Amino acid sequence: MATTEAATGSDYRLGFTSQDEETRVEGLPVTGEVPAWLTGALVRVTPALLEVGGRRMAHWFDGIAMLNRFGFADGKVSYASRFLDSGAYRDAKEGEWRHSGFATDPCRPASRTP
């Protein structure tokens, strides 16, 4: 049986790459046709900042959250991302990690790899 890395040809470390910018795209390219009845939004939460003040987060659950919104209207698809404004996000913007996480302890020395 093939492993996920071998099957996709990707490296798991890509998932630990920080995204530090918010994005907005009014019209994404669509292959095929978006059903006319599909309107509204799909919002997902993902980790985005995984490196703060020289500290690398040890788990995806510890990353600073980003909201990802896919909008559907009139057969078109849009996308926007925005950081969740929280105390952890504001501290991260100042370059500090003061919060306990799922696997990241603020009292332990920063690790170099996930």
C-alpha atoms as a PDB file:
ATOM      1  CA  MET A   1       0.000   0.000   0.000  1.00  0.00           C
ATOM      2  CA  ALA A   2       1.323   3.434  -0.930  1.00  0.00           C
ATOM      3  CA  THR A   3       1.786   6.100   1.724  1.00  0.00           C
ATOM      4  CA  THR A   4       0.051   9.449   1.444  1.00  0.00           C
ATOM      5  CA  GLU A   5       3.337  11.204   0.703  1.00  0.00           C
ATOM      6  CA  ALA A   6       4.210   8.725  -2.038  1.00  0.00           C
ATOM      7  CA  ALA A   7       0.692   8.780  -3.473  1.00  0.00           C
ATOM      8  CA  THR A   8       0.492  12.576  -3.692  1.00  0.00           C
ATOM      9  CA  GLY A   9       4.174  13.319  -4.251  1.00  0.00           C
ATOM     10  CA  SER A  10       4.009  15.975  -1.523  1.00  0.00           C
ATOM     11  CA  ASP A  11       5.787  16.558   1.736  1.00  0.00           C
ATOM     12  CA  TYR A  12       3.762  16.823   4.983  1.00  0.00           C
ATOM     13  CA  ARG A  13       5.896  19.817   6.012  1.00  0.00           C
ATOM     14  CA  LEU A  14       4.071  21.916   3.415  1.00  0.00           C
ATOM     15  CA  GLY A  15       1.102  21.840   5.818  1.00  0.00           C
ATOM     16  CA  PHE A  16       3.279  23.580   8.431  1.00  0.00           C
ATOM     17  CA  THR A  17       4.073  26.559   6.192  1.00  0.00           C
ATOM     18  CA  SER A  18       2.765  29.837   7.601  1.00  0.00           C
ATOM     19  CA  GLN A  19       0.417  31.990   5.590  1.00  0.00           C
ATOM     20  CA  ASP A  20       0.763  35.553   6.752  1.00  0.00           C
ATOM     21  CA  GLU A  21      -1.434  37.469   4.287  1.00  0.00           C
ATOM     22  CA  GLU A  22      -5.173  37.755   3.893  1.00  0.00           C
ATOM     23  CA  THR A  23      -6.509  37.174   0.358  1.00  0.00           C
ATOM     24  CA  ARG A  24      -9.551  38.243  -1.642  1.00  0.00           C
ATOM     25  CA  VAL A  25     -10.483  36.981  -5.119  1.00  0.00           C
ATOM     26  CA  GLU A  26     -13.801  38.143  -6.571  1.00  0.00           C
ATOM     27  CA  GLY A  27     -14.017  35.525  -9.315  1.00  0.00           C
ATOM     28  CA  LEU A  28     -12.322  32.139  -9.289  1.00  0.00           C
ATOM     29  CA  PRO A  29     -12.060  30.165 -12.531  1.00  0.00           C
ATOM     30  CA  VAL A  30     -14.712  27.451 -12.701  1.00  0.00           C
ATOM     31  CA  THR A  31     -14.453  24.286 -14.769  1.00  0.00           C
ATOM     32  CA  GLY A  32     -17.926  23.127 -15.688  1.00  0.00           C
ATOM     33  CA  GLU A  33     -21.010  24.827 -14.328  1.00  0.00           C
ATOM     34  CA  VAL A  34     -21.990  25.892 -10.829  1.00  0.00           C
ATOM     35  CA  PRO A  35     -25.629  24.874 -10.227  1.00  0.00           C
ATOM     36  CA  ALA A  36     -28.004  27.853 -10.269  1.00  0.00           C
ATOM     37  CA  TRP A  37     -29.498  26.778  -6.920  1.00  0.00           C
ATOM     38  CA  LEU A  38     -26.109  26.950  -5.194  1.00  0.00           C
ATOM     39  CA  THR A  39     -25.961  30.300  -3.395  1.00  0.00           C
ATOM     40  CA  GLY A  40     -24.450  31.326  -0.099  1.00  0.00           C
ATOM     41  CA  ALA A  41     -21.124  30.780   1.579  1.00  0.00           C
ATOM     42  CA  LEU A  42     -18.936  27.991   2.896  1.00  0.00           C
ATOM     43  CA  VAL A  43     -16.640  29.088   5.717  1.00  0.00           C
ATOM     44  CA  ARG A  44     -13.796  26.886   6.890  1.00  0.00           C
ATOM     45  CA  VAL A  45     -11.260  27.474   9.659  1.00  0.00           C
ATOM     46  CA  THR A  46      -7.645  26.536   9.057  1.00  0.00           C
ATOM     47  CA  PRO A  47      -4.362  27.170  10.838  1.00  0.00           C
ATOM     48  CA  ALA A  48      -2.384  29.906   9.093  1.00  0.00           C
ATOM     49  CA  LEU A  49       0.393  31.275  11.305  1.00  0.00           C
ATOM     50  CA  LEU A  50       2.500  28.360  12.475  1.00  0.00           C
ATOM     51  CA  GLU A  51       5.636  30.340  13.323  1.00  0.00           C
ATOM     52  CA  VAL A  52       5.476  33.111  15.900  1.00  0.00           C
ATOM     53  CA  GLY A  53       8.418  34.998  17.391  1.00  0.00           C
ATOM     54  CA  GLY A  54      10.963  32.313  16.480  1.00  0.00           C
ATOM     55  CA  ARG A  55       8.709  29.548  17.824  1.00  0.00           C
ATOM     56  CA  ARG A  56       7.319  26.891  15.526  1.00  0.00           C
ATOM     57  CA  MET A  57       3.947  25.473  16.500  1.00  0.00           C
ATOM     58  CA  ALA A  58       4.051  21.746  17.264  1.00  0.00           C
ATOM     59  CA  HIS A  59       0.544  20.955  15.989  1.00  0.00           C
ATOM     60  CA  TRP A  60      -1.929  22.339  13.440  1.00  0.00           C
ATOM     61  CA  PHE A  61      -4.443  22.915  16.252  1.00  0.00           C
ATOM     62  CA  ASP A  62      -2.020  25.474  17.745  1.00  0.00           C
ATOM     63  CA  GLY A  63      -1.705  27.628  14.618  1.00  0.00           C
ATOM     64  CA  ILE A  64      -3.284  31.076  14.554  1.00  0.00           C
ATOM     65  CA  ALA A  65      -6.678  30.622  12.896  1.00  0.00           C
ATOM     66  CA  MET A  66      -7.681  31.910   9.494  1.00  0.00           C
ATOM     67  CA  LEU A  67     -11.242  31.958   8.195  1.00  0.00           C
ATOM     68  CA  ASN A  68     -11.593  30.886   4.550  1.00  0.00           C
ATOM     69  CA  ARG A  69     -14.833  31.869   2.800  1.00  0.00           C
ATOM     70  CA  PHE A  70     -16.013  30.510  -0.529  1.00  0.00           C
ATOM     71  CA  GLY A  71     -18.968  32.498  -1.879  1.00  0.00           C
ATOM     72  CA  PHE A  72     -21.430  31.132  -4.438  1.00  0.00           C
ATOM     73  CA  ALA A  73     -23.791  33.385  -6.425  1.00  0.00           C
ATOM     74  CA  ASP A  74     -25.050  33.602 -10.004  1.00  0.00           C
ATOM     75  CA  GLY A  75     -22.873  30.692 -11.143  1.00  0.00           C
ATOM     76  CA  LYS A  76     -19.690  32.367  -9.877  1.00  0.00           C
ATOM     77  CA  VAL A  77     -17.334  31.502  -7.031  1.00  0.00           C
ATOM     78  CA  SER A  78     -15.368  33.967  -4.897  1.00  0.00           C
ATOM     79  CA  TYR A  79     -12.805  33.432  -2.150  1.00  0.00           C
ATOM     80  CA  ALA A  80     -11.596  35.485   0.798  1.00  0.00           C
ATOM     81  CA  SER A  81      -9.452  34.734   3.826  1.00  0.00           C
ATOM     82  CA  ARG A  82      -9.107  36.656   7.048  1.00  0.00           C
ATOM     83  CA  PHE A  83      -7.334  36.024  10.326  1.00  0.00           C
ATOM     84  CA  LEU A  84      -9.582  35.404  13.294  1.00  0.00           C
ATOM     85  CA  ASP A  85      -9.047  38.452  15.504  1.00  0.00           C
ATOM     86  CA  SER A  86      -8.102  36.996  18.893  1.00  0.00           C
ATOM     87  CA  GLY A  87      -5.687  37.650  21.719  1.00  0.00           C
ATOM     88  CA  ALA A  88      -3.352  35.007  20.295  1.00  0.00           C
ATOM     89  CA  TYR A  89      -3.465  36.707  16.870  1.00  0.00           C
ATOM     90  CA  ARG A  90      -2.712  40.138  18.338  1.00  0.00           C
ATOM     91  CA  ASP A  91       0.194  38.681  20.352  1.00  0.00           C
ATOM     92  CA  ALA A  92       1.499  36.920  17.234  1.00  0.00           C
ATOM     93  CA  LYS A  93       1.467  40.213  15.319  1.00  0.00           C
ATOM     94  CA  GLU A  94       3.694  41.588  18.104  1.00  0.00           C
ATOM     95  CA  GLY A  95       6.004  38.574  17.651  1.00  0.00           C
ATOM     96  CA  GLU A  96       5.143  36.837  20.932  1.00  0.00           C
ATOM     97  CA  TRP A  97       3.611  33.457  21.813  1.00  0.00           C
ATOM     98  CA  ARG A  98       2.114  33.540  25.307  1.00  0.00           C
ATOM     99  CA  HIS A  99      -0.554  30.867  24.994  1.00  0.00           C
ATOM    100  CA  SER A 100      -0.725  27.202  25.790  1.00  0.00           C
ATOM    101  CA  GLY A 101      -1.827  25.089  22.900  1.00  0.00           C
ATOM    102  CA  PHE A 102      -2.760  21.573  22.022  1.00  0.00           C
ATOM    103  CA  ALA A 103       0.910  20.605  21.718  1.00  0.00           C
ATOM    104  CA  THR A 104       2.813  23.891  22.035  1.00  0.00           C
ATOM    105  CA  ASP A 105       3.839  24.911  25.543  1.00  0.00           C
ATOM    106  CA  PRO A 106       4.807  28.602  25.897  1.00  0.00           C
ATOM    107  CA  CYS A 107       7.203  27.719  28.748  1.00  0.00           C
ATOM    108  CA  ARG A 108       9.299  25.237  26.778  1.00  0.00           C
ATOM    109  CA  PRO A 109      12.047  26.205  24.362  1.00  0.00           C
ATOM    110  CA  ALA A 110      10.922  26.624  20.751  1.00  0.00           C
ATOM    111  CA  SER A 111      11.299  23.548  18.554  1.00  0.00           C
ATOM    112  CA  ARG A 112      12.745  23.729  15.066  1.00  0.00           C
ATOM    113  CA  THR A 113      10.568  21.178  13.272  1.00  0.00           C
ATOM    114  CA  PRO A 114       6.990  20.014  13.624  1.00  0.00           C
END
